[in-house]
Amino acid sequence: MAFNFTNLDKGLQESTEWLAREFSRVHTGRAVPMLLDGVMVEAYGSFQPIKNVGSINVEDARTLRIALWDKSVVKDVEKAIAAANLGLSVATDSDGMRVIFPPLTTENRARLVKVLKEKMEEARISVRKEREAAQSELKTADLPEDDARRAKDEIQKRVDAANAKLESIFESKEEEVMN
């Protein structure tokens, strides 16, 4: 009987995907519609993503254009973007709204790298929890001593690979922020 690594692999994959998603929401000075994915607008009696009340397009390197389908939610969208505390400014015109990304200063870049490191640490903690869960599952499994040792080594190998992938994601995002 061999140890089942499915739960461990799934948990490690989820940690990696979470970090990539979190990093995609970090403002790097370029207009990216994905940055607004986490912004929820109170419209029509419930909270919903901005993409549900209008279309979001890249106008230029520092500007997104939001074409709202219903002009009555303009104030709600402005309020939601301000409340998201993303450091973006909003300008409203007759065609919709522009979301303007300010240029990054050296201080802002350093602050963003600090935020990236915090997110990275959260992902590492998640990976450690997955390893601990797999090791406790291994202890309760009725395996011969040699198989248990091999499984423990395999768990560590998979955790090391996940940590290397997290590090790679972090390094590429840090490079993007600093340049």
C-alpha atoms as a PDB file:
ATOM      1  CA  MET A   1       0.000   0.000   0.000  1.00  0.00           C
ATOM      2  CA  ALA A   2       1.444   3.390  -1.054  1.00  0.00           C
ATOM      3  CA  PHE A   3       0.800   6.842   0.351  1.00  0.00           C
ATOM      4  CA  ASN A   4      -1.692   9.040  -1.545  1.00  0.00           C
ATOM      5  CA  PHE A   5      -0.209  12.469  -2.378  1.00  0.00           C
ATOM      6  CA  THR A   6      -3.384  13.853  -3.997  1.00  0.00           C
ATOM      7  CA  ASN A   7      -4.398  16.110  -1.098  1.00  0.00           C
ATOM      8  CA  LEU A   8      -0.865  17.463  -0.742  1.00  0.00           C
ATOM      9  CA  ASP A   9      -0.532  18.171  -4.464  1.00  0.00           C
ATOM     10  CA  LYS A  10      -3.921  19.881  -4.541  1.00  0.00           C
ATOM     11  CA  GLY A  11      -3.087  22.060  -1.528  1.00  0.00           C
ATOM     12  CA  LEU A  12       0.304  23.052  -2.928  1.00  0.00           C
ATOM     13  CA  GLN A  13      -1.262  23.918  -6.287  1.00  0.00           C
ATOM     14  CA  GLU A  14      -3.912  26.063  -4.570  1.00  0.00           C
ATOM     15  CA  SER A  15      -1.205  27.952  -2.642  1.00  0.00           C
ATOM     16  CA  THR A  16       0.691  28.664  -5.851  1.00  0.00           C
ATOM     17  CA  GLU A  17      -2.447  29.800  -7.695  1.00  0.00           C
ATOM     18  CA  TRP A  18      -3.455  32.018  -4.760  1.00  0.00           C
ATOM     19  CA  LEU A  19      -0.074  33.770  -4.787  1.00  0.00           C
ATOM     20  CA  ALA A  20      -0.216  34.311  -8.547  1.00  0.00           C
ATOM     21  CA  ARG A  21      -3.747  35.767  -8.208  1.00  0.00           C
ATOM     22  CA  GLU A  22      -2.702  38.061  -5.365  1.00  0.00           C
ATOM     23  CA  PHE A  23       0.333  39.271  -7.292  1.00  0.00           C
ATOM     24  CA  SER A  24      -1.773  39.973 -10.372  1.00  0.00           C
ATOM     25  CA  ARG A  25      -3.734  42.490  -8.288  1.00  0.00           C
ATOM     26  CA  VAL A  26      -0.639  44.463  -7.278  1.00  0.00           C
ATOM     27  CA  HIS A  27      -0.378  47.776  -9.133  1.00  0.00           C
ATOM     28  CA  THR A  28       2.931  48.011 -11.028  1.00  0.00           C
ATOM     29  CA  GLY A  29       2.435  51.360 -12.724  1.00  0.00           C
ATOM     30  CA  ARG A  30       0.790  49.842 -15.796  1.00  0.00           C
ATOM     31  CA  ALA A  31      -2.936  49.843 -16.442  1.00  0.00           C
ATOM     32  CA  VAL A  32      -4.152  46.268 -15.980  1.00  0.00           C
ATOM     33  CA  PRO A  33      -7.912  45.527 -15.903  1.00  0.00           C
ATOM     34  CA  MET A  34      -7.296  42.559 -13.592  1.00  0.00           C
ATOM     35  CA  LEU A  35      -6.380  45.014 -10.832  1.00  0.00           C
ATOM     36  CA  LEU A  36     -10.057  45.984 -10.575  1.00  0.00           C
ATOM     37  CA  ASP A  37     -11.268  42.359 -10.264  1.00  0.00           C
ATOM     38  CA  GLY A  38     -11.301  42.550  -6.478  1.00  0.00           C
ATOM     39  CA  VAL A  39     -13.244  45.830  -6.372  1.00  0.00           C
ATOM     40  CA  MET A  40     -16.863  45.255  -5.421  1.00  0.00           C
ATOM     41  CA  VAL A  41     -19.545  47.825  -6.301  1.00  0.00           C
ATOM     42  CA  GLU A  42     -22.768  48.174  -4.351  1.00  0.00           C
ATOM     43  CA  ALA A  43     -25.300  48.360  -7.173  1.00  0.00           C
ATOM     44  CA  TYR A  44     -28.827  47.080  -7.645  1.00  0.00           C
ATOM     45  CA  GLY A  45     -29.084  46.082  -3.987  1.00  0.00           C
ATOM     46  CA  SER A  46     -26.017  43.825  -3.815  1.00  0.00           C
ATOM     47  CA  PHE A  47     -22.239  43.841  -4.093  1.00  0.00           C
ATOM     48  CA  GLN A  48     -20.802  42.767  -7.418  1.00  0.00           C
ATOM     49  CA  PRO A  49     -17.549  43.096  -9.363  1.00  0.00           C
ATOM     50  CA  ILE A  50     -17.054  46.171 -11.554  1.00  0.00           C
ATOM     51  CA  LYS A  51     -17.018  43.954 -14.645  1.00  0.00           C
ATOM     52  CA  ASN A  52     -20.708  43.188 -13.954  1.00  0.00           C
ATOM     53  CA  VAL A  53     -21.727  46.857 -14.309  1.00  0.00           C
ATOM     54  CA  GLY A  54     -19.555  47.859 -17.276  1.00  0.00           C
ATOM     55  CA  SER A  55     -16.782  46.904 -19.634  1.00  0.00           C
ATOM     56  CA  ILE A  56     -13.155  47.604 -18.742  1.00  0.00           C
ATOM     57  CA  ASN A  57     -10.628  48.360 -21.476  1.00  0.00           C
ATOM     58  CA  VAL A  58      -7.031  49.554 -21.551  1.00  0.00           C
ATOM     59  CA  GLU A  59      -6.943  53.047 -23.033  1.00  0.00           C
ATOM     60  CA  ASP A  60      -3.191  53.586 -22.758  1.00  0.00           C
ATOM     61  CA  ALA A  61      -0.287  52.431 -20.564  1.00  0.00           C
ATOM     62  CA  ARG A  62      -1.578  54.341 -17.524  1.00  0.00           C
ATOM     63  CA  THR A  63      -5.334  54.523 -18.113  1.00  0.00           C
ATOM     64  CA  LEU A  64      -8.269  52.145 -18.025  1.00  0.00           C
ATOM     65  CA  ARG A  65     -11.620  53.092 -19.530  1.00  0.00           C
ATOM     66  CA  ILE A  66     -14.767  51.814 -17.830  1.00  0.00           C
ATOM     67  CA  ALA A  67     -17.851  52.027 -20.042  1.00  0.00           C
ATOM     68  CA  LEU A  68     -20.785  51.640 -17.649  1.00  0.00           C
ATOM     69  CA  TRP A  69     -23.942  50.031 -18.953  1.00  0.00           C
ATOM     70  CA  ASP A  70     -26.079  52.054 -16.536  1.00  0.00           C
ATOM     71  CA  LYS A  71     -25.043  55.651 -15.853  1.00  0.00           C
ATOM     72  CA  SER A  72     -26.855  55.622 -12.503  1.00  0.00           C
ATOM     73  CA  VAL A  73     -24.045  53.576 -10.892  1.00  0.00           C
ATOM     74  CA  VAL A  74     -21.242  56.074 -11.660  1.00  0.00           C
ATOM     75  CA  LYS A  75     -21.058  57.370  -8.089  1.00  0.00           C
ATOM     76  CA  ASP A  76     -21.146  53.823  -6.696  1.00  0.00           C
ATOM     77  CA  VAL A  77     -18.238  52.771  -8.909  1.00  0.00           C
ATOM     78  CA  GLU A  78     -16.216  55.865  -7.945  1.00  0.00           C
ATOM     79  CA  LYS A  79     -16.874  55.149  -4.272  1.00  0.00           C
ATOM     80  CA  ALA A  80     -15.895  51.478  -4.656  1.00  0.00           C
ATOM     81  CA  ILE A  81     -12.588  52.309  -6.388  1.00  0.00           C
ATOM     82  CA  ALA A  82     -11.773  54.882  -3.694  1.00  0.00           C
ATOM     83  CA  ALA A  83     -12.691  52.417  -0.921  1.00  0.00           C
ATOM     84  CA  ALA A  84     -10.440  49.740  -2.462  1.00  0.00           C
ATOM     85  CA  ASN A  85      -7.473  51.960  -1.559  1.00  0.00           C
ATOM     86  CA  LEU A  86      -5.493  51.061  -4.690  1.00  0.00           C
ATOM     87  CA  GLY A  87      -3.974  54.513  -5.105  1.00  0.00           C
ATOM     88  CA  LEU A  88      -5.841  55.136  -8.359  1.00  0.00           C
ATOM     89  CA  SER A  89      -7.635  58.293  -9.426  1.00  0.00           C
ATOM     90  CA  VAL A  90     -10.936  58.353 -11.276  1.00  0.00           C
ATOM     91  CA  ALA A  91     -12.130  60.901 -13.834  1.00  0.00           C
ATOM     92  CA  THR A  92     -15.723  60.781 -15.041  1.00  0.00           C
ATOM     93  CA  ASP A  93     -16.811  61.998 -18.467  1.00  0.00           C
ATOM     94  CA  SER A  94     -19.858  61.595 -20.723  1.00  0.00           C
ATOM     95  CA  ASP A  95     -18.646  58.242 -22.130  1.00  0.00           C
ATOM     96  CA  GLY A  96     -17.938  56.599 -18.768  1.00  0.00           C
ATOM     97  CA  MET A  97     -14.927  56.858 -16.541  1.00  0.00           C
ATOM     98  CA  ARG A  98     -11.173  56.761 -16.715  1.00  0.00           C
ATOM     99  CA  VAL A  99      -9.117  55.078 -14.026  1.00  0.00           C
ATOM    100  CA  ILE A 100      -5.667  56.664 -13.973  1.00  0.00           C
ATOM    101  CA  PHE A 101      -2.635  54.815 -12.633  1.00  0.00           C
ATOM    102  CA  PRO A 102      -0.099  57.211 -11.094  1.00  0.00           C
ATOM    103  CA  PRO A 103       3.573  56.664 -11.902  1.00  0.00           C
ATOM    104  CA  LEU A 104       5.391  54.659  -9.246  1.00  0.00           C
ATOM    105  CA  THR A 105       7.907  56.488  -7.086  1.00  0.00           C
ATOM    106  CA  THR A 106      10.872  54.790  -5.457  1.00  0.00           C
ATOM    107  CA  GLU A 107       9.069  54.826  -2.089  1.00  0.00           C
ATOM    108  CA  ASN A 108       5.953  53.268  -3.617  1.00  0.00           C
ATOM    109  CA  ARG A 109       8.032  50.574  -5.278  1.00  0.00           C
ATOM    110  CA  ALA A 110       9.678  49.735  -1.947  1.00  0.00           C
ATOM    111  CA  ARG A 111       6.259  49.632  -0.268  1.00  0.00           C
ATOM    112  CA  LEU A 112       4.931  47.322  -2.980  1.00  0.00           C
ATOM    113  CA  VAL A 113       7.882  44.958  -2.597  1.00  0.00           C
ATOM    114  CA  LYS A 114       7.135  44.837   1.132  1.00  0.00           C
ATOM    115  CA  VAL A 115       3.509  43.913   0.350  1.00  0.00           C
ATOM    116  CA  LEU A 116       4.732  41.251  -2.082  1.00  0.00           C
ATOM    117  CA  LYS A 117       6.968  39.780   0.619  1.00  0.00           C
ATOM    118  CA  GLU A 118       4.023  39.634   3.039  1.00  0.00           C
ATOM    119  CA  LYS A 119       1.921  37.791   0.449  1.00  0.00           C
ATOM    120  CA  MET A 120       4.848  35.455  -0.227  1.00  0.00           C
ATOM    121  CA  GLU A 121       5.122  34.657   3.477  1.00  0.00           C
ATOM    122  CA  GLU A 122       1.384  33.899   3.632  1.00  0.00           C
ATOM    123  CA  ALA A 123       1.820  31.448   0.746  1.00  0.00           C
ATOM    124  CA  ARG A 124       4.807  29.813   2.475  1.00  0.00           C
ATOM    125  CA  ILE A 125       2.773  29.405   5.659  1.00  0.00           C
ATOM    126  CA  SER A 126       0.061  27.727   3.610  1.00  0.00           C
ATOM    127  CA  VAL A 127       2.632  25.349   2.102  1.00  0.00           C
ATOM    128  CA  ARG A 128       3.970  24.517   5.574  1.00  0.00           C
ATOM    129  CA  LYS A 129       0.439  23.743   6.758  1.00  0.00           C
ATOM    130  CA  GLU A 130      -0.058  21.430   3.779  1.00  0.00           C
ATOM    131  CA  ARG A 131       3.202  19.645   4.625  1.00  0.00           C
ATOM    132  CA  GLU A 132       2.149  19.243   8.272  1.00  0.00           C
ATOM    133  CA  ALA A 133      -1.244  17.864   7.205  1.00  0.00           C
ATOM    134  CA  ALA A 134       0.406  15.362   4.854  1.00  0.00           C
ATOM    135  CA  GLN A 135       2.884  14.288   7.534  1.00  0.00           C
ATOM    136  CA  SER A 136       0.134  13.763  10.100  1.00  0.00           C
ATOM    137  CA  GLU A 137      -1.842  11.798   7.498  1.00  0.00           C
ATOM    138  CA  LEU A 138       1.298   9.717   6.900  1.00  0.00           C
ATOM    139  CA  LYS A 139       1.607   8.964  10.634  1.00  0.00           C
ATOM    140  CA  THR A 140      -1.926   7.572  10.732  1.00  0.00           C
ATOM    141  CA  ALA A 141      -1.372   5.502   7.574  1.00  0.00           C
ATOM    142  CA  ASP A 142      -0.445   1.885   8.198  1.00  0.00           C
ATOM    143  CA  LEU A 143       2.750   1.754   6.113  1.00  0.00           C
ATOM    144  CA  PRO A 144       5.947  -0.248   6.558  1.00  0.00           C
ATOM    145  CA  GLU A 145       8.833   1.814   7.939  1.00  0.00           C
ATOM    146  CA  ASP A 146      10.723   1.978   4.617  1.00  0.00           C
ATOM    147  CA  ASP A 147       7.623   3.100   2.702  1.00  0.00           C
ATOM    148  CA  ALA A 148       6.850   5.691   5.375  1.00  0.00           C
ATOM    149  CA  ARG A 149      10.399   7.097   5.119  1.00  0.00           C
ATOM    150  CA  ARG A 150      10.187   7.235   1.307  1.00  0.00           C
ATOM    151  CA  ALA A 151       6.801   8.935   1.500  1.00  0.00           C
ATOM    152  CA  LYS A 152       8.157  11.479   3.980  1.00  0.00           C
ATOM    153  CA  ASP A 153      11.072  12.232   1.632  1.00  0.00           C
ATOM    154  CA  GLU A 154       8.649  12.556  -1.286  1.00  0.00           C
ATOM    155  CA  ILE A 155       6.470  14.976   0.712  1.00  0.00           C
ATOM    156  CA  GLN A 156       9.520  17.148   1.393  1.00  0.00           C
ATOM    157  CA  LYS A 157      10.544  17.002  -2.283  1.00  0.00           C
ATOM    158  CA  ARG A 158       7.119  18.215  -3.363  1.00  0.00           C
ATOM    159  CA  VAL A 159       7.105  20.966  -0.740  1.00  0.00           C
ATOM    160  CA  ASP A 160      10.567  22.101  -1.873  1.00  0.00           C
ATOM    161  CA  ALA A 161       9.357  22.219  -5.485  1.00  0.00           C
ATOM    162  CA  ALA A 162       6.300  24.277  -4.454  1.00  0.00           C
ATOM    163  CA  ASN A 163       8.506  26.699  -2.494  1.00  0.00           C
ATOM    164  CA  ALA A 164      10.811  27.068  -5.505  1.00  0.00           C
ATOM    165  CA  LYS A 165       7.810  27.878  -7.687  1.00  0.00           C
ATOM    166  CA  LEU A 166       6.578  30.472  -5.161  1.00  0.00           C
ATOM    167  CA  GLU A 167      10.049  32.013  -5.103  1.00  0.00           C
ATOM    168  CA  SER A 168      10.088  32.169  -8.897  1.00  0.00           C
ATOM    169  CA  ILE A 169       6.700  33.915  -8.969  1.00  0.00           C
ATOM    170  CA  PHE A 170       7.905  36.392  -6.336  1.00  0.00           C
ATOM    171  CA  GLU A 171      11.160  37.165  -8.137  1.00  0.00           C
ATOM    172  CA  SER A 172       9.442  37.854 -11.461  1.00  0.00           C
ATOM    173  CA  LYS A 173       6.874  40.149  -9.819  1.00  0.00           C
ATOM    174  CA  GLU A 174       9.578  41.944  -7.827  1.00  0.00           C
ATOM    175  CA  GLU A 175      11.499  42.510 -11.075  1.00  0.00           C
ATOM    176  CA  GLU A 176       8.321  43.889 -12.680  1.00  0.00           C
ATOM    177  CA  VAL A 177       7.714  46.279  -9.774  1.00  0.00           C
ATOM    178  CA  MET A 178      11.280  47.540  -9.597  1.00  0.00           C
ATOM    179  CA  ASN A 179      11.623  48.240 -13.340  1.00  0.00           C
END
